[in-house]
């Protein structure tokens, strides 16, 4: 089956969404935070929001810099307060997942799942959540991650709100930081996205990547 990008987005009930915009983006160099770098005249995160917002019940942004993202009209979620390990300045994406899951349960009592996507993936499929939702109802996992080709994309995952107590304990008491390690210790599935055409999960990490994304968007 070909993973085309000409689908009309369909909102999936019971699932909220979170755009992960908390990374430092050091490889991008000095200047604006990476999600705010321009792609076709718009911040890169705007492309992600445009693609994901119609697919979920409500969308939020994960960032400690609320002021920079206030103009997008979405809730801004800061990481929960957790003990830092030696040398750390922030906990990482698992803390953002925890904040998103807690926000989901507080604001949306009928939501049982949270979709997370990075802010540097501007070509995400418009049928992403429809396809992932189809894998959540057979032997219902706690986490559904995504793989494209040989590469696992652990931050493009759907997380059950049932994970909140264990995720908080893993972060605060065990010092767990690796997304893949947390996924591996829970009931999970991996959805292999069909190959075909340009990589829909291409992520922008460097100025060279941003130039490639601009050429692709223009074409």
Protein backbone atom coordinates (compact mmCIF):
# COMPACT_ATOMS: atom_id res chain seq x y z
CA UNK A 1 0.00 0.00 0.00
CA UNK A 2 1.42 3.36 -0.96
CA UNK A 3 1.79 5.98 1.80
CA UNK A 4 0.47 8.91 -0.25
CA UNK A 5 0.13 12.43 1.12
CA UNK A 6 -3.06 13.54 -0.64
CA UNK A 7 -5.48 12.38 2.04
CA UNK A 8 -8.04 14.65 3.68
CA UNK A 9 -7.10 14.70 7.40
CA UNK A 10 -9.54 12.82 9.63
CA UNK A 11 -9.84 13.60 13.34
CA UNK A 12 -9.61 10.46 15.50
CA UNK A 13 -11.68 10.55 18.70
CA UNK A 14 -10.17 9.78 22.08
CA UNK A 15 -6.67 10.90 21.10
CA UNK A 16 -4.91 14.17 21.93
CA UNK A 17 -1.69 15.40 20.34
CA UNK A 18 1.56 16.98 21.48
CA UNK A 19 4.23 18.68 19.34
CA UNK A 20 7.66 18.25 20.95
CA UNK A 21 9.47 21.58 20.64
CA UNK A 22 11.82 21.37 23.61
CA UNK A 23 15.04 20.21 21.95
CA UNK A 24 18.10 22.47 21.98
CA UNK A 25 18.79 22.12 18.26
CA UNK A 26 22.53 22.71 18.62
CA UNK A 27 23.36 21.35 15.16
CA UNK A 28 21.23 24.08 13.60
CA UNK A 29 23.59 26.78 14.89
CA UNK A 30 22.90 30.13 16.51
CA UNK A 31 19.69 32.01 15.93
CA UNK A 32 16.03 31.16 16.29
CA UNK A 33 15.00 27.92 18.01
CA UNK A 34 14.93 25.17 15.41
CA UNK A 35 11.11 24.81 15.27
CA UNK A 36 10.83 28.52 14.47
CA UNK A 37 13.22 28.45 11.49
CA UNK A 38 11.39 29.42 8.32
CA UNK A 39 10.33 26.91 5.71
CA UNK A 40 8.49 28.40 2.75
CA UNK A 41 8.04 31.61 4.73
CA UNK A 42 6.49 29.94 7.78
CA UNK A 43 7.99 28.53 10.98
CA UNK A 44 8.73 24.84 10.60
CA UNK A 45 6.48 24.02 13.55
CA UNK A 46 3.57 25.65 11.70
CA UNK A 47 3.82 22.94 9.04
CA UNK A 48 3.69 20.25 11.74
CA UNK A 49 0.68 21.88 13.43
CA UNK A 50 -1.14 22.21 10.12
CA UNK A 51 -0.77 18.51 9.44
CA UNK A 52 -1.47 17.12 12.92
CA UNK A 53 -4.11 19.48 14.36
CA UNK A 54 -6.96 18.14 12.17
CA UNK A 55 -6.13 14.56 13.17
CA UNK A 56 -6.53 14.80 16.98
CA UNK A 57 -9.14 16.08 19.44
CA UNK A 58 -6.85 18.82 20.73
CA UNK A 59 -3.21 19.72 20.22
CA UNK A 60 -0.60 21.24 22.55
CA UNK A 61 3.05 22.27 22.27
CA UNK A 62 5.76 21.07 24.64
CA UNK A 63 8.29 23.81 25.39
CA UNK A 64 9.81 25.64 28.35
CA UNK A 65 9.80 28.82 26.22
CA UNK A 66 6.10 29.64 26.29
CA UNK A 67 6.54 33.17 24.95
CA UNK A 68 8.10 32.01 21.68
CA UNK A 69 5.19 29.71 20.88
CA UNK A 70 2.24 31.70 22.23
CA UNK A 71 1.31 32.99 18.79
CA UNK A 72 0.27 29.53 17.56
CA UNK A 73 -2.86 29.58 19.70
CA UNK A 74 -2.23 26.24 21.40
CA UNK A 75 -1.65 25.28 25.04
CA UNK A 76 2.07 25.36 25.92
CA UNK A 77 3.16 22.61 28.30
CA UNK A 78 6.33 22.97 30.35
CA UNK A 79 8.13 19.87 31.56
CA UNK A 80 7.11 18.69 35.04
CA UNK A 81 9.49 19.49 37.86
CA UNK A 82 11.78 16.47 38.21
CA UNK A 83 15.20 15.92 39.80
CA UNK A 84 18.04 16.43 37.33
CA UNK A 85 20.92 14.02 36.97
CA UNK A 86 24.49 15.28 37.16
CA UNK A 87 25.27 17.43 34.13
CA UNK A 88 21.66 17.73 32.99
CA UNK A 89 19.94 21.01 32.22
CA UNK A 90 16.65 19.39 31.18
CA UNK A 91 15.21 15.92 31.44
CA UNK A 92 14.41 15.31 27.76
CA UNK A 93 11.47 14.12 25.68
CA UNK A 94 10.16 11.57 28.20
CA UNK A 95 9.39 14.45 30.57
CA UNK A 96 7.43 16.12 27.77
CA UNK A 97 5.49 12.90 27.24
CA UNK A 98 4.62 12.85 30.94
CA UNK A 99 3.44 16.47 30.82
CA UNK A 100 1.34 15.67 27.77
CA UNK A 101 -0.27 12.61 29.33
CA UNK A 102 -1.13 14.50 32.51
CA UNK A 103 -2.58 17.39 30.49
CA UNK A 104 -4.63 14.89 28.49
CA UNK A 105 -6.24 13.38 31.59
CA UNK A 106 -6.88 16.79 33.18
CA UNK A 107 -8.41 18.49 30.16
CA UNK A 108 -9.97 15.66 28.17
CA UNK A 109 -11.61 13.00 30.31
CA UNK A 110 -12.58 10.99 27.23
CA UNK A 111 -9.05 10.88 25.81
CA UNK A 112 -7.19 7.66 26.50
CA UNK A 113 -4.22 8.25 24.21
CA UNK A 114 -1.62 10.89 23.34
CA UNK A 115 0.13 11.18 19.97
CA UNK A 116 3.57 12.81 20.12
CA UNK A 117 5.42 14.20 17.11
CA UNK A 118 8.64 16.25 16.85
CA UNK A 119 8.48 19.88 15.76
CA UNK A 120 11.21 19.30 13.15
CA UNK A 121 9.27 16.85 10.92
CA UNK A 122 7.40 19.15 8.51
CA UNK A 123 6.21 16.45 6.07
CA UNK A 124 4.23 14.22 8.45
CA UNK A 125 1.47 12.21 6.72
CA UNK A 126 -2.01 13.69 6.85
CA UNK A 127 -3.38 10.20 7.51
CA UNK A 128 -0.89 9.41 10.31
CA UNK A 129 -3.39 9.08 13.15
CA UNK A 130 -5.98 7.17 11.13
CA UNK A 131 -3.42 4.52 10.24
CA UNK A 132 -1.98 4.35 13.77
CA UNK A 133 -5.43 4.17 15.36
CA UNK A 134 -6.12 0.99 13.44
CA UNK A 135 -3.33 -0.73 15.41
CA UNK A 136 -4.60 0.34 18.85
CA UNK A 137 -7.66 -1.89 19.02
CA UNK A 138 -6.22 -5.35 18.52
CA UNK A 139 -4.30 -6.62 21.57
CA UNK A 140 -4.34 -3.02 22.75
CA UNK A 141 -0.75 -1.96 23.50
CA UNK A 142 0.36 0.70 25.96
CA UNK A 143 2.59 2.31 23.32
CA UNK A 144 2.51 2.29 19.55
CA UNK A 145 5.75 3.48 17.99
CA UNK A 146 6.54 4.05 14.33
CA UNK A 147 9.25 2.72 12.04
CA UNK A 148 10.07 3.82 8.52
CA UNK A 149 12.41 1.49 6.74
CA UNK A 150 15.13 0.48 9.17
CA UNK A 151 14.71 3.53 11.38
CA UNK A 152 12.57 3.58 14.51
CA UNK A 153 11.01 6.98 15.33
CA UNK A 154 10.30 6.63 19.08
CA UNK A 155 9.10 10.21 19.51
CA UNK A 156 6.42 9.61 16.86
CA UNK A 157 4.34 7.38 19.10
CA UNK A 158 0.93 6.97 20.67
CA UNK A 159 0.99 6.64 24.47
CA UNK A 160 -1.70 5.33 26.82
CA UNK A 161 -2.64 7.54 29.78
CA UNK A 162 -2.28 4.40 31.93
CA UNK A 163 1.49 4.94 31.71
CA UNK A 164 1.49 8.07 33.89
CA UNK A 165 2.42 6.50 37.28
CA UNK A 166 5.19 4.31 35.87
CA UNK A 167 6.59 7.07 33.66
CA UNK A 168 6.78 9.50 36.58
CA UNK A 169 8.45 6.86 38.73
CA UNK A 170 10.94 5.97 35.97
CA UNK A 171 11.90 9.63 35.50
CA UNK A 172 12.00 10.73 39.14
CA UNK A 173 13.23 7.62 40.94
CA UNK A 174 15.17 5.64 38.34
CA UNK A 175 16.64 8.49 36.30
CA UNK A 176 15.46 6.86 33.08
CA UNK A 177 15.93 9.17 30.08
CA UNK A 178 15.98 7.02 26.93
CA UNK A 179 12.64 6.92 25.14
CA UNK A 180 13.47 3.55 23.56
CA UNK A 181 14.22 1.97 26.96
CA UNK A 182 10.90 3.07 28.37
CA UNK A 183 9.08 1.73 25.32
CA UNK A 184 10.88 -1.62 25.53
CA UNK A 185 9.75 -2.28 29.08
CA UNK A 186 6.05 -1.89 28.28
CA UNK A 187 3.55 -3.68 26.08
CA UNK A 188 4.12 -2.03 22.73
CA UNK A 189 3.79 -2.43 19.02
CA UNK A 190 5.75 -0.92 16.17
CA UNK A 191 3.92 0.19 13.04
CA UNK A 192 6.03 -0.13 9.91
CA UNK A 193 5.00 2.73 7.65
CA UNK A 194 4.77 1.75 3.95
CA UNK A 195 7.68 2.88 1.81
CA UNK A 196 7.09 4.92 -1.31
CA UNK A 197 8.04 8.42 -2.36
CA UNK A 198 9.97 10.93 -0.23
CA UNK A 199 10.44 10.13 3.46
CA UNK A 200 7.39 11.58 5.28
CA UNK A 201 9.30 11.45 8.58
CA UNK A 202 12.31 13.43 7.40
CA UNK A 203 13.54 15.52 10.31
CA UNK A 204 15.46 18.76 10.05
CA UNK A 205 18.57 18.92 12.25
CA UNK A 206 21.07 21.09 10.34
CA UNK A 207 21.03 24.09 7.98
CA UNK A 208 21.71 21.62 5.17
CA UNK A 209 18.61 19.63 6.15
CA UNK A 210 16.57 22.81 6.15
CA UNK A 211 17.78 23.63 2.64
CA UNK A 212 16.81 20.12 1.50
CA UNK A 213 13.38 20.56 3.08
CA UNK A 214 12.94 23.88 1.28
CA UNK A 215 13.76 22.29 -2.08
CA UNK A 216 11.35 19.46 -1.38
CA UNK A 217 8.55 21.79 -0.29
CA UNK A 218 9.05 23.94 -3.38
CA UNK A 219 8.90 20.90 -5.62
